[in-house]
Amino acid sequence: MFTGLIEGIGLLVRTDRTGLDARMVIQAQFPIDPLVLGESIAVDGACLTVVAFKGSQFTVDVSAETLSRTTLGGKRPGARLNLERALRLGDRLGGHLVSGHVDAIGRLADRKDEGRSIRLFFDIPRELGRYTIEKGSVAVNGISLTINGCREGQFDVNVVPQTARETTIQDLRVGQEVNIETDLIGKYVEKVTAPWTGTGGEEGAQVSRIDAGFLRKHGFLP
Protein backbone atom coordinates (compact mmCIF):
# COMPACT_ATOMS: atom_id res chain seq x y z
CA MET A 1 0.00 0.00 0.00
CA PHE A 2 1.18 3.51 -0.87
CA THR A 3 0.11 7.12 -0.28
CA GLY A 4 0.79 8.77 -3.63
CA LEU A 5 3.39 11.07 -2.05
CA ILE A 6 6.43 10.61 -4.27
CA GLU A 7 9.75 10.16 -2.44
CA GLY A 8 11.93 11.02 -5.40
CA ILE A 9 12.83 10.42 -9.03
CA GLY A 10 14.55 7.39 -10.52
CA LEU A 11 16.22 6.99 -13.91
CA LEU A 12 15.64 3.87 -15.97
CA VAL A 13 19.01 2.23 -16.62
CA ARG A 14 17.72 -0.58 -18.83
CA THR A 15 14.86 -2.99 -19.42
CA ASP A 16 15.64 -6.68 -19.91
CA ARG A 17 12.85 -8.55 -21.67
CA THR A 18 12.35 -12.15 -20.55
CA GLY A 19 9.65 -13.53 -22.80
CA LEU A 20 6.32 -11.89 -22.02
CA ASP A 21 7.55 -10.11 -18.92
CA ALA A 22 10.60 -7.99 -18.08
CA ARG A 23 13.06 -6.74 -15.49
CA MET A 24 13.82 -3.06 -15.07
CA VAL A 25 17.01 -1.65 -13.55
CA ILE A 26 16.44 1.75 -11.94
CA GLN A 27 18.84 4.26 -10.40
CA ALA A 28 17.31 6.32 -7.59
CA GLN A 29 18.27 9.99 -7.82
CA PHE A 30 17.83 10.61 -4.09
CA PRO A 31 19.16 9.07 -0.87
CA ILE A 32 17.21 5.87 -0.41
CA ASP A 33 17.24 3.73 2.74
CA PRO A 34 18.59 0.18 2.37
CA LEU A 35 16.15 -1.84 0.32
CA VAL A 36 14.98 -5.35 1.18
CA LEU A 37 14.67 -8.21 -1.29
CA GLY A 38 11.02 -8.83 -2.08
CA GLU A 39 9.77 -5.45 -0.90
CA SER A 40 7.30 -3.43 -2.94
CA ILE A 41 8.08 -0.13 -4.57
CA ALA A 42 5.77 1.95 -6.74
CA VAL A 43 7.34 2.91 -10.07
CA ASP A 44 5.25 5.52 -11.88
CA GLY A 45 2.33 4.21 -9.84
CA ALA A 46 2.81 0.50 -10.54
CA CYS A 47 3.56 -1.72 -7.53
CA LEU A 48 6.67 -3.78 -8.38
CA THR A 49 8.85 -6.25 -6.46
CA VAL A 50 12.53 -5.62 -5.75
CA VAL A 51 14.58 -8.66 -6.84
CA ALA A 52 18.09 -7.19 -6.56
CA PHE A 53 19.77 -3.99 -5.39
CA LYS A 54 23.16 -2.39 -4.91
CA GLY A 55 23.37 1.00 -3.27
CA SER A 56 20.70 3.23 -4.79
CA GLN A 57 20.31 1.06 -7.90
CA PHE A 58 17.70 -1.70 -7.86
CA THR A 59 16.02 -4.23 -10.12
CA VAL A 60 12.29 -4.98 -10.24
CA ASP A 61 10.20 -7.64 -11.94
CA VAL A 62 7.48 -6.44 -14.33
CA SER A 63 4.81 -9.00 -15.23
CA ALA A 64 3.13 -9.30 -18.62
CA GLU A 65 -0.10 -8.02 -17.02
CA THR A 66 1.65 -4.89 -15.73
CA LEU A 67 3.28 -4.27 -19.10
CA SER A 68 -0.13 -4.50 -20.78
CA ARG A 69 -1.90 -2.17 -18.33
CA THR A 70 0.74 0.53 -17.81
CA THR A 71 3.14 2.76 -19.71
CA LEU A 72 6.23 0.97 -18.35
CA GLY A 73 6.74 -1.18 -21.45
CA GLY A 74 7.34 1.91 -23.56
CA LYS A 75 9.95 3.51 -21.30
CA ARG A 76 13.45 3.94 -22.69
CA PRO A 77 16.80 4.19 -20.84
CA GLY A 78 17.10 7.58 -19.17
CA ALA A 79 13.34 7.93 -18.59
CA ARG A 80 12.45 9.71 -15.35
CA LEU A 81 10.19 7.69 -13.05
CA ASN A 82 8.28 8.55 -9.87
CA LEU A 83 9.31 6.33 -6.94
CA GLU A 84 7.58 5.59 -3.64
CA ARG A 85 8.35 2.84 -1.16
CA ALA A 86 5.51 1.04 0.58
CA LEU A 87 3.69 2.72 3.46
CA ARG A 88 4.74 1.66 6.96
CA LEU A 89 2.25 1.40 9.81
CA GLY A 90 2.49 4.58 11.84
CA ASP A 91 3.52 6.76 8.88
CA ARG A 92 1.49 9.86 8.08
CA LEU A 93 -1.07 9.29 5.36
CA GLY A 94 -0.65 12.62 3.60
CA GLY A 95 -2.04 11.59 0.22
CA HIS A 96 -4.66 8.85 -0.12
CA LEU A 97 -4.67 5.05 -0.11
CA VAL A 98 -3.00 3.89 -3.33
CA SER A 99 -2.66 0.17 -4.09
CA GLY A 100 -0.19 0.46 -6.94
CA HIS A 101 -2.53 -1.56 -9.15
CA VAL A 102 -2.98 0.61 -12.22
CA ASP A 103 -6.49 0.58 -13.68
CA ALA A 104 -5.70 1.84 -17.15
CA ILE A 105 -3.63 4.16 -19.29
CA GLY A 106 -4.88 7.72 -19.65
CA ARG A 107 -3.72 10.55 -21.88
CA LEU A 108 -2.98 14.22 -21.20
CA ALA A 109 -5.56 16.14 -23.23
CA ASP A 110 -4.65 19.71 -22.27
CA ARG A 111 -2.59 21.76 -19.83
CA LYS A 112 -3.04 25.35 -18.72
CA ASP A 113 -1.02 27.60 -16.46
CA GLU A 114 -3.13 29.02 -13.64
CA GLY A 115 -1.11 31.43 -11.54
CA ARG A 116 1.79 29.44 -10.06
CA SER A 117 -0.04 26.15 -10.61
CA ILE A 118 -0.76 23.94 -13.62
CA ARG A 119 -4.22 22.65 -14.56
CA LEU A 120 -4.01 19.28 -16.33
CA PHE A 121 -6.86 17.58 -18.20
CA PHE A 122 -6.72 13.80 -18.68
CA ASP A 123 -8.75 11.56 -20.99
CA ILE A 124 -9.53 8.16 -19.45
CA PRO A 125 -11.54 5.09 -20.51
CA ARG A 126 -15.22 5.91 -20.05
CA GLU A 127 -15.81 2.95 -17.73
CA LEU A 128 -13.50 4.53 -15.14
CA GLY A 129 -15.60 7.68 -14.98
CA ARG A 130 -17.86 6.22 -12.28
CA TYR A 131 -14.89 6.26 -9.88
CA THR A 132 -14.00 9.92 -10.40
CA ILE A 133 -15.82 12.55 -8.36
CA GLU A 134 -15.24 16.25 -7.82
CA LYS A 135 -12.78 16.74 -4.92
CA GLY A 136 -12.10 13.00 -4.87
CA SER A 137 -8.66 11.43 -5.21
CA VAL A 138 -6.83 9.90 -8.16
CA ALA A 139 -3.27 8.69 -8.74
CA VAL A 140 -1.55 9.82 -11.95
CA ASN A 141 1.80 8.10 -12.49
CA GLY A 142 1.66 7.31 -8.78
CA ILE A 143 1.05 10.92 -7.68
CA SER A 144 -1.88 11.54 -5.34
CA LEU A 145 -3.96 14.37 -6.80
CA THR A 146 -7.33 15.96 -6.08
CA ILE A 147 -9.89 16.00 -8.87
CA ASN A 148 -11.10 19.53 -9.61
CA GLY A 149 -13.76 18.55 -12.10
CA CYS A 150 -14.87 15.48 -14.02
CA ARG A 151 -17.03 14.68 -16.97
CA GLU A 152 -17.59 11.62 -19.13
CA GLY A 153 -14.21 10.24 -20.13
CA GLN A 154 -12.18 13.08 -18.61
CA PHE A 155 -11.09 14.72 -15.36
CA ASP A 156 -8.84 17.63 -14.45
CA VAL A 157 -6.45 18.29 -11.57
CA ASN A 158 -4.47 21.24 -10.24
CA VAL A 159 -0.74 20.72 -9.68
CA VAL A 160 0.91 23.02 -7.15
CA PRO A 161 4.57 24.10 -7.58
CA GLN A 162 5.87 21.71 -4.89
CA THR A 163 4.36 18.69 -6.63
CA ALA A 164 5.62 19.87 -10.01
CA ARG A 165 9.18 20.25 -8.68
CA GLU A 166 9.35 16.91 -6.86
CA THR A 167 7.74 14.65 -9.49
CA THR A 168 7.80 14.03 -13.22
CA ILE A 169 4.36 15.56 -13.78
CA GLN A 170 5.86 18.85 -14.95
CA ASP A 171 7.46 16.91 -17.84
CA LEU A 172 4.12 15.82 -19.30
CA ARG A 173 3.15 17.10 -22.71
CA VAL A 174 -0.23 17.01 -24.44
CA GLY A 175 -0.84 13.57 -25.92
CA GLN A 176 1.48 11.76 -23.51
CA GLU A 177 0.20 8.60 -21.82
CA VAL A 178 0.04 8.17 -18.04
CA ASN A 179 -0.84 5.47 -15.52
CA ILE A 180 -4.21 6.00 -13.83
CA GLU A 181 -5.38 4.44 -10.57
CA THR A 182 -8.81 5.52 -9.41
CA ASP A 183 -9.98 5.67 -5.80
CA LEU A 184 -9.69 2.30 -4.05
CA ILE A 185 -12.53 2.96 -1.62
CA GLY A 186 -14.98 3.81 -4.40
CA LYS A 187 -14.36 0.48 -6.10
CA TYR A 188 -14.98 -1.49 -2.91
CA VAL A 189 -18.16 0.47 -2.14
CA GLU A 190 -19.48 -0.36 -5.59
CA LYS A 191 -18.54 -4.02 -5.15
CA VAL A 192 -20.30 -4.58 -1.83
CA THR A 193 -23.46 -2.69 -2.80
CA ALA A 194 -23.99 -4.37 -6.17
CA PRO A 195 -26.16 -7.52 -6.45
CA TRP A 196 -25.14 -10.60 -8.38
CA THR A 197 -27.14 -11.56 -11.44
CA GLY A 198 -27.14 -14.86 -13.34
CA THR A 199 -28.93 -18.15 -12.83
CA GLY A 200 -28.00 -21.76 -12.14
CA GLY A 201 -24.37 -22.55 -12.78
CA GLU A 202 -23.79 -19.43 -14.82
CA GLU A 203 -21.16 -17.08 -13.52
CA GLY A 204 -22.94 -14.03 -12.19
CA ALA A 205 -22.31 -10.55 -13.44
CA GLN A 206 -22.27 -7.68 -11.00
CA VAL A 207 -24.35 -4.60 -11.71
CA SER A 208 -24.06 -1.49 -9.59
CA ARG A 209 -27.24 -0.34 -7.85
CA ILE A 210 -25.78 2.98 -6.74
CA ASP A 211 -27.87 5.59 -8.50
CA ALA A 212 -29.66 8.81 -7.59
CA GLY A 213 -32.52 6.87 -6.00
CA PHE A 214 -30.15 4.86 -3.80
CA LEU A 215 -28.28 7.98 -2.67
CA ARG A 216 -31.52 9.86 -1.97
CA LYS A 217 -32.93 6.97 0.08
CA HIS A 218 -29.84 6.91 2.30
CA GLY A 219 -29.70 10.64 2.84
CA PHE A 220 -26.87 11.59 0.49
CA LEU A 221 -29.15 13.62 -1.78
CA PRO A 222 -32.12 15.84 -0.93
C-alpha atoms as a PDB file:
ATOM      1  CA  MET A   1       0.000   0.000   0.000  1.00  0.00           C
ATOM      2  CA  PHE A   2       1.179   3.514  -0.866  1.00  0.00           C
ATOM      3  CA  THR A   3       0.106   7.121  -0.281  1.00  0.00           C
ATOM      4  CA  GLY A   4       0.791   8.774  -3.633  1.00  0.00           C
ATOM      5  CA  LEU A   5       3.387  11.071  -2.051  1.00  0.00           C
ATOM      6  CA  ILE A   6       6.433  10.615  -4.273  1.00  0.00           C
ATOM      7  CA  GLU A   7       9.746  10.159  -2.444  1.00  0.00           C
ATOM      8  CA  GLY A   8      11.929  11.023  -5.400  1.00  0.00           C
ATOM      9  CA  ILE A   9      12.834  10.419  -9.032  1.00  0.00           C
ATOM     10  CA  GLY A  10      14.549   7.390 -10.523  1.00  0.00           C
ATOM     11  CA  LEU A  11      16.216   6.993 -13.908  1.00  0.00           C
ATOM     12  CA  LEU A  12      15.638   3.871 -15.974  1.00  0.00           C
ATOM     13  CA  VAL A  13      19.009   2.233 -16.615  1.00  0.00           C
ATOM     14  CA  ARG A  14      17.720  -0.577 -18.833  1.00  0.00           C
ATOM     15  CA  THR A  15      14.861  -2.990 -19.419  1.00  0.00           C
ATOM     16  CA  ASP A  16      15.641  -6.679 -19.911  1.00  0.00           C
ATOM     17  CA  ARG A  17      12.848  -8.555 -21.672  1.00  0.00           C
ATOM     18  CA  THR A  18      12.348 -12.151 -20.547  1.00  0.00           C
ATOM     19  CA  GLY A  19       9.654 -13.535 -22.800  1.00  0.00           C
ATOM     20  CA  LEU A  20       6.321 -11.885 -22.023  1.00  0.00           C
ATOM     21  CA  ASP A  21       7.552 -10.107 -18.918  1.00  0.00           C
ATOM     22  CA  ALA A  22      10.601  -7.994 -18.077  1.00  0.00           C
ATOM     23  CA  ARG A  23      13.055  -6.738 -15.488  1.00  0.00           C
ATOM     24  CA  MET A  24      13.821  -3.055 -15.073  1.00  0.00           C
ATOM     25  CA  VAL A  25      17.014  -1.653 -13.548  1.00  0.00           C
ATOM     26  CA  ILE A  26      16.438   1.748 -11.935  1.00  0.00           C
ATOM     27  CA  GLN A  27      18.842   4.261 -10.404  1.00  0.00           C
ATOM     28  CA  ALA A  28      17.306   6.321  -7.590  1.00  0.00           C
ATOM     29  CA  GLN A  29      18.267   9.987  -7.822  1.00  0.00           C
ATOM     30  CA  PHE A  30      17.830  10.609  -4.094  1.00  0.00           C
ATOM     31  CA  PRO A  31      19.164   9.065  -0.870  1.00  0.00           C
ATOM     32  CA  ILE A  32      17.211   5.866  -0.407  1.00  0.00           C
ATOM     33  CA  ASP A  33      17.245   3.734   2.739  1.00  0.00           C
ATOM     34  CA  PRO A  34      18.594   0.184   2.370  1.00  0.00           C
ATOM     35  CA  LEU A  35      16.154  -1.842   0.322  1.00  0.00           C
ATOM     36  CA  VAL A  36      14.985  -5.349   1.183  1.00  0.00           C
ATOM     37  CA  LEU A  37      14.665  -8.211  -1.291  1.00  0.00           C
ATOM     38  CA  GLY A  38      11.017  -8.835  -2.079  1.00  0.00           C
ATOM     39  CA  GLU A  39       9.773  -5.448  -0.896  1.00  0.00           C
ATOM     40  CA  SER A  40       7.303  -3.434  -2.944  1.00  0.00           C
ATOM     41  CA  ILE A  41       8.076  -0.134  -4.567  1.00  0.00           C
ATOM     42  CA  ALA A  42       5.769   1.953  -6.741  1.00  0.00           C
ATOM     43  CA  VAL A  43       7.344   2.908 -10.067  1.00  0.00           C
ATOM     44  CA  ASP A  44       5.249   5.525 -11.877  1.00  0.00           C
ATOM     45  CA  GLY A  45       2.333   4.211  -9.836  1.00  0.00           C
ATOM     46  CA  ALA A  46       2.806   0.503 -10.535  1.00  0.00           C
ATOM     47  CA  CYS A  47       3.565  -1.724  -7.535  1.00  0.00           C
ATOM     48  CA  LEU A  48       6.665  -3.778  -8.385  1.00  0.00           C
ATOM     49  CA  THR A  49       8.850  -6.245  -6.462  1.00  0.00           C
ATOM     50  CA  VAL A  50      12.530  -5.622  -5.753  1.00  0.00           C
ATOM     51  CA  VAL A  51      14.578  -8.658  -6.842  1.00  0.00           C
ATOM     52  CA  ALA A  52      18.088  -7.189  -6.559  1.00  0.00           C
ATOM     53  CA  PHE A  53      19.773  -3.990  -5.390  1.00  0.00           C
ATOM     54  CA  LYS A  54      23.162  -2.389  -4.906  1.00  0.00           C
ATOM     55  CA  GLY A  55      23.373   1.003  -3.267  1.00  0.00           C
ATOM     56  CA  SER A  56      20.700   3.229  -4.789  1.00  0.00           C
ATOM     57  CA  GLN A  57      20.310   1.058  -7.903  1.00  0.00           C
ATOM     58  CA  PHE A  58      17.701  -1.699  -7.857  1.00  0.00           C
ATOM     59  CA  THR A  59      16.016  -4.232 -10.124  1.00  0.00           C
ATOM     60  CA  VAL A  60      12.289  -4.982 -10.242  1.00  0.00           C
ATOM     61  CA  ASP A  61      10.203  -7.641 -11.944  1.00  0.00           C
ATOM     62  CA  VAL A  62       7.481  -6.438 -14.327  1.00  0.00           C
ATOM     63  CA  SER A  63       4.810  -8.998 -15.228  1.00  0.00           C
ATOM     64  CA  ALA A  64       3.129  -9.303 -18.616  1.00  0.00           C
ATOM     65  CA  GLU A  65      -0.099  -8.021 -17.021  1.00  0.00           C
ATOM     66  CA  THR A  66       1.648  -4.894 -15.729  1.00  0.00           C
ATOM     67  CA  LEU A  67       3.278  -4.274 -19.097  1.00  0.00           C
ATOM     68  CA  SER A  68      -0.132  -4.502 -20.782  1.00  0.00           C
ATOM     69  CA  ARG A  69      -1.903  -2.173 -18.330  1.00  0.00           C
ATOM     70  CA  THR A  70       0.740   0.530 -17.811  1.00  0.00           C
ATOM     71  CA  THR A  71       3.141   2.756 -19.707  1.00  0.00           C
ATOM     72  CA  LEU A  72       6.234   0.967 -18.354  1.00  0.00           C
ATOM     73  CA  GLY A  73       6.737  -1.177 -21.452  1.00  0.00           C
ATOM     74  CA  GLY A  74       7.339   1.906 -23.561  1.00  0.00           C
ATOM     75  CA  LYS A  75       9.952   3.515 -21.302  1.00  0.00           C
ATOM     76  CA  ARG A  76      13.452   3.938 -22.689  1.00  0.00           C
ATOM     77  CA  PRO A  77      16.800   4.188 -20.836  1.00  0.00           C
ATOM     78  CA  GLY A  78      17.097   7.580 -19.168  1.00  0.00           C
ATOM     79  CA  ALA A  79      13.340   7.925 -18.588  1.00  0.00           C
ATOM     80  CA  ARG A  80      12.445   9.714 -15.346  1.00  0.00           C
ATOM     81  CA  LEU A  81      10.193   7.692 -13.049  1.00  0.00           C
ATOM     82  CA  ASN A  82       8.285   8.550  -9.868  1.00  0.00           C
ATOM     83  CA  LEU A  83       9.309   6.330  -6.941  1.00  0.00           C
ATOM     84  CA  GLU A  84       7.575   5.591  -3.644  1.00  0.00           C
ATOM     85  CA  ARG A  85       8.351   2.843  -1.160  1.00  0.00           C
ATOM     86  CA  ALA A  86       5.505   1.040   0.583  1.00  0.00           C
ATOM     87  CA  LEU A  87       3.686   2.721   3.464  1.00  0.00           C
ATOM     88  CA  ARG A  88       4.743   1.658   6.964  1.00  0.00           C
ATOM     89  CA  LEU A  89       2.246   1.398   9.810  1.00  0.00           C
ATOM     90  CA  GLY A  90       2.486   4.581  11.841  1.00  0.00           C
ATOM     91  CA  ASP A  91       3.521   6.756   8.879  1.00  0.00           C
ATOM     92  CA  ARG A  92       1.494   9.861   8.082  1.00  0.00           C
ATOM     93  CA  LEU A  93      -1.071   9.287   5.362  1.00  0.00           C
ATOM     94  CA  GLY A  94      -0.646  12.619   3.601  1.00  0.00           C
ATOM     95  CA  GLY A  95      -2.040  11.591   0.222  1.00  0.00           C
ATOM     96  CA  HIS A  96      -4.659   8.849  -0.117  1.00  0.00           C
ATOM     97  CA  LEU A  97      -4.670   5.048  -0.109  1.00  0.00           C
ATOM     98  CA  VAL A  98      -2.999   3.891  -3.329  1.00  0.00           C
ATOM     99  CA  SER A  99      -2.662   0.174  -4.085  1.00  0.00           C
ATOM    100  CA  GLY A 100      -0.189   0.464  -6.942  1.00  0.00           C
ATOM    101  CA  HIS A 101      -2.534  -1.563  -9.153  1.00  0.00           C
ATOM    102  CA  VAL A 102      -2.977   0.606 -12.223  1.00  0.00           C
ATOM    103  CA  ASP A 103      -6.495   0.577 -13.681  1.00  0.00           C
ATOM    104  CA  ALA A 104      -5.704   1.838 -17.154  1.00  0.00           C
ATOM    105  CA  ILE A 105      -3.634   4.157 -19.293  1.00  0.00           C
ATOM    106  CA  GLY A 106      -4.877   7.721 -19.652  1.00  0.00           C
ATOM    107  CA  ARG A 107      -3.718  10.554 -21.883  1.00  0.00           C
ATOM    108  CA  LEU A 108      -2.983  14.221 -21.196  1.00  0.00           C
ATOM    109  CA  ALA A 109      -5.555  16.142 -23.235  1.00  0.00           C
ATOM    110  CA  ASP A 110      -4.654  19.706 -22.275  1.00  0.00           C
ATOM    111  CA  ARG A 111      -2.594  21.762 -19.829  1.00  0.00           C
ATOM    112  CA  LYS A 112      -3.039  25.350 -18.718  1.00  0.00           C
ATOM    113  CA  ASP A 113      -1.017  27.600 -16.456  1.00  0.00           C
ATOM    114  CA  GLU A 114      -3.133  29.024 -13.635  1.00  0.00           C
ATOM    115  CA  GLY A 115      -1.112  31.430 -11.536  1.00  0.00           C
ATOM    116  CA  ARG A 116       1.786  29.437 -10.062  1.00  0.00           C
ATOM    117  CA  SER A 117      -0.041  26.147 -10.612  1.00  0.00           C
ATOM    118  CA  ILE A 118      -0.757  23.937 -13.617  1.00  0.00           C
ATOM    119  CA  ARG A 119      -4.215  22.653 -14.564  1.00  0.00           C
ATOM    120  CA  LEU A 120      -4.012  19.277 -16.329  1.00  0.00           C
ATOM    121  CA  PHE A 121      -6.862  17.582 -18.201  1.00  0.00           C
ATOM    122  CA  PHE A 122      -6.724  13.799 -18.678  1.00  0.00           C
ATOM    123  CA  ASP A 123      -8.746  11.565 -20.986  1.00  0.00           C
ATOM    124  CA  ILE A 124      -9.527   8.162 -19.451  1.00  0.00           C
ATOM    125  CA  PRO A 125     -11.544   5.092 -20.511  1.00  0.00           C
ATOM    126  CA  ARG A 126     -15.222   5.909 -20.046  1.00  0.00           C
ATOM    127  CA  GLU A 127     -15.807   2.946 -17.726  1.00  0.00           C
ATOM    128  CA  LEU A 128     -13.495   4.534 -15.143  1.00  0.00           C
ATOM    129  CA  GLY A 129     -15.604   7.682 -14.982  1.00  0.00           C
ATOM    130  CA  ARG A 130     -17.859   6.225 -12.283  1.00  0.00           C
ATOM    131  CA  TYR A 131     -14.886   6.256  -9.881  1.00  0.00           C
ATOM    132  CA  THR A 132     -14.005   9.921 -10.403  1.00  0.00           C
ATOM    133  CA  ILE A 133     -15.818  12.547  -8.356  1.00  0.00           C
ATOM    134  CA  GLU A 134     -15.236  16.246  -7.815  1.00  0.00           C
ATOM    135  CA  LYS A 135     -12.778  16.741  -4.917  1.00  0.00           C
ATOM    136  CA  GLY A 136     -12.098  13.002  -4.870  1.00  0.00           C
ATOM    137  CA  SER A 137      -8.660  11.434  -5.215  1.00  0.00           C
ATOM    138  CA  VAL A 138      -6.830   9.899  -8.158  1.00  0.00           C
ATOM    139  CA  ALA A 139      -3.272   8.692  -8.742  1.00  0.00           C
ATOM    140  CA  VAL A 140      -1.555   9.818 -11.953  1.00  0.00           C
ATOM    141  CA  ASN A 141       1.799   8.099 -12.490  1.00  0.00           C
ATOM    142  CA  GLY A 142       1.660   7.311  -8.779  1.00  0.00           C
ATOM    143  CA  ILE A 143       1.047  10.921  -7.678  1.00  0.00           C
ATOM    144  CA  SER A 144      -1.878  11.544  -5.339  1.00  0.00           C
ATOM    145  CA  LEU A 145      -3.964  14.370  -6.800  1.00  0.00           C
ATOM    146  CA  THR A 146      -7.330  15.962  -6.081  1.00  0.00           C
ATOM    147  CA  ILE A 147      -9.886  16.000  -8.870  1.00  0.00           C
ATOM    148  CA  ASN A 148     -11.099  19.532  -9.615  1.00  0.00           C
ATOM    149  CA  GLY A 149     -13.763  18.546 -12.096  1.00  0.00           C
ATOM    150  CA  CYS A 150     -14.871  15.484 -14.018  1.00  0.00           C
ATOM    151  CA  ARG A 151     -17.034  14.680 -16.973  1.00  0.00           C
ATOM    152  CA  GLU A 152     -17.590  11.617 -19.131  1.00  0.00           C
ATOM    153  CA  GLY A 153     -14.209  10.242 -20.127  1.00  0.00           C
ATOM    154  CA  GLN A 154     -12.179  13.079 -18.611  1.00  0.00           C
ATOM    155  CA  PHE A 155     -11.091  14.725 -15.364  1.00  0.00           C
ATOM    156  CA  ASP A 156      -8.837  17.632 -14.450  1.00  0.00           C
ATOM    157  CA  VAL A 157      -6.447  18.292 -11.566  1.00  0.00           C
ATOM    158  CA  ASN A 158      -4.475  21.236 -10.238  1.00  0.00           C
ATOM    159  CA  VAL A 159      -0.738  20.723  -9.680  1.00  0.00           C
ATOM    160  CA  VAL A 160       0.909  23.023  -7.147  1.00  0.00           C
ATOM    161  CA  PRO A 161       4.569  24.105  -7.578  1.00  0.00           C
ATOM    162  CA  GLN A 162       5.871  21.711  -4.891  1.00  0.00           C
ATOM    163  CA  THR A 163       4.358  18.689  -6.632  1.00  0.00           C
ATOM    164  CA  ALA A 164       5.616  19.869 -10.014  1.00  0.00           C
ATOM    165  CA  ARG A 165       9.177  20.246  -8.677  1.00  0.00           C
ATOM    166  CA  GLU A 166       9.353  16.913  -6.863  1.00  0.00           C
ATOM    167  CA  THR A 167       7.742  14.645  -9.490  1.00  0.00           C
ATOM    168  CA  THR A 168       7.795  14.033 -13.224  1.00  0.00           C
ATOM    169  CA  ILE A 169       4.357  15.556 -13.775  1.00  0.00           C
ATOM    170  CA  GLN A 170       5.864  18.850 -14.948  1.00  0.00           C
ATOM    171  CA  ASP A 171       7.461  16.910 -17.840  1.00  0.00           C
ATOM    172  CA  LEU A 172       4.116  15.817 -19.298  1.00  0.00           C
ATOM    173  CA  ARG A 173       3.152  17.103 -22.709  1.00  0.00           C
ATOM    174  CA  VAL A 174      -0.231  17.011 -24.437  1.00  0.00           C
ATOM    175  CA  GLY A 175      -0.839  13.575 -25.922  1.00  0.00           C
ATOM    176  CA  GLN A 176       1.483  11.764 -23.513  1.00  0.00           C
ATOM    177  CA  GLU A 177       0.204   8.603 -21.820  1.00  0.00           C
ATOM    178  CA  VAL A 178       0.040   8.172 -18.037  1.00  0.00           C
ATOM    179  CA  ASN A 179      -0.836   5.468 -15.520  1.00  0.00           C
ATOM    180  CA  ILE A 180      -4.206   5.996 -13.834  1.00  0.00           C
ATOM    181  CA  GLU A 181      -5.376   4.445 -10.571  1.00  0.00           C
ATOM    182  CA  THR A 182      -8.809   5.522  -9.406  1.00  0.00           C
ATOM    183  CA  ASP A 183      -9.980   5.666  -5.804  1.00  0.00           C
ATOM    184  CA  LEU A 184      -9.687   2.303  -4.048  1.00  0.00           C
ATOM    185  CA  ILE A 185     -12.529   2.963  -1.620  1.00  0.00           C
ATOM    186  CA  GLY A 186     -14.976   3.815  -4.397  1.00  0.00           C
ATOM    187  CA  LYS A 187     -14.365   0.477  -6.101  1.00  0.00           C
ATOM    188  CA  TYR A 188     -14.982  -1.493  -2.906  1.00  0.00           C
ATOM    189  CA  VAL A 189     -18.158   0.468  -2.138  1.00  0.00           C
ATOM    190  CA  GLU A 190     -19.476  -0.364  -5.594  1.00  0.00           C
ATOM    191  CA  LYS A 191     -18.543  -4.022  -5.150  1.00  0.00           C
ATOM    192  CA  VAL A 192     -20.305  -4.585  -1.834  1.00  0.00           C
ATOM    193  CA  THR A 193     -23.464  -2.692  -2.798  1.00  0.00           C
ATOM    194  CA  ALA A 194     -23.986  -4.372  -6.173  1.00  0.00           C
ATOM    195  CA  PRO A 195     -26.157  -7.517  -6.446  1.00  0.00           C
ATOM    196  CA  TRP A 196     -25.136 -10.596  -8.378  1.00  0.00           C
ATOM    197  CA  THR A 197     -27.142 -11.562 -11.445  1.00  0.00           C
ATOM    198  CA  GLY A 198     -27.144 -14.855 -13.341  1.00  0.00           C
ATOM    199  CA  THR A 199     -28.931 -18.154 -12.826  1.00  0.00           C
ATOM    200  CA  GLY A 200     -27.996 -21.759 -12.138  1.00  0.00           C
ATOM    201  CA  GLY A 201     -24.374 -22.553 -12.777  1.00  0.00           C
ATOM    202  CA  GLU A 202     -23.789 -19.429 -14.815  1.00  0.00           C
ATOM    203  CA  GLU A 203     -21.162 -17.084 -13.515  1.00  0.00           C
ATOM    204  CA  GLY A 204     -22.941 -14.032 -12.185  1.00  0.00           C
ATOM    205  CA  ALA A 205     -22.309 -10.549 -13.441  1.00  0.00           C
ATOM    206  CA  GLN A 206     -22.270  -7.675 -11.004  1.00  0.00           C
ATOM    207  CA  VAL A 207     -24.346  -4.601 -11.708  1.00  0.00           C
ATOM    208  CA  SER A 208     -24.062  -1.493  -9.592  1.00  0.00           C
ATOM    209  CA  ARG A 209     -27.238  -0.343  -7.852  1.00  0.00           C
ATOM    210  CA  ILE A 210     -25.778   2.985  -6.743  1.00  0.00           C
ATOM    211  CA  ASP A 211     -27.869   5.595  -8.501  1.00  0.00           C
ATOM    212  CA  ALA A 212     -29.660   8.809  -7.592  1.00  0.00           C
ATOM    213  CA  GLY A 213     -32.520   6.868  -6.000  1.00  0.00           C
ATOM    214  CA  PHE A 214     -30.154   4.862  -3.803  1.00  0.00           C
ATOM    215  CA  LEU A 215     -28.280   7.983  -2.672  1.00  0.00           C
ATOM    216  CA  ARG A 216     -31.519   9.856  -1.970  1.00  0.00           C
ATOM    217  CA  LYS A 217     -32.927   6.975   0.076  1.00  0.00           C
ATOM    218  CA  HIS A 218     -29.840   6.907   2.299  1.00  0.00           C
ATOM    219  CA  GLY A 219     -29.702  10.637   2.838  1.00  0.00           C
ATOM    220  CA  PHE A 220     -26.867  11.588   0.488  1.00  0.00           C
ATOM    221  CA  LEU A 221     -29.149  13.619  -1.781  1.00  0.00           C
ATOM    222  CA  PRO A 222     -32.121  15.840  -0.927  1.00  0.00           C
END
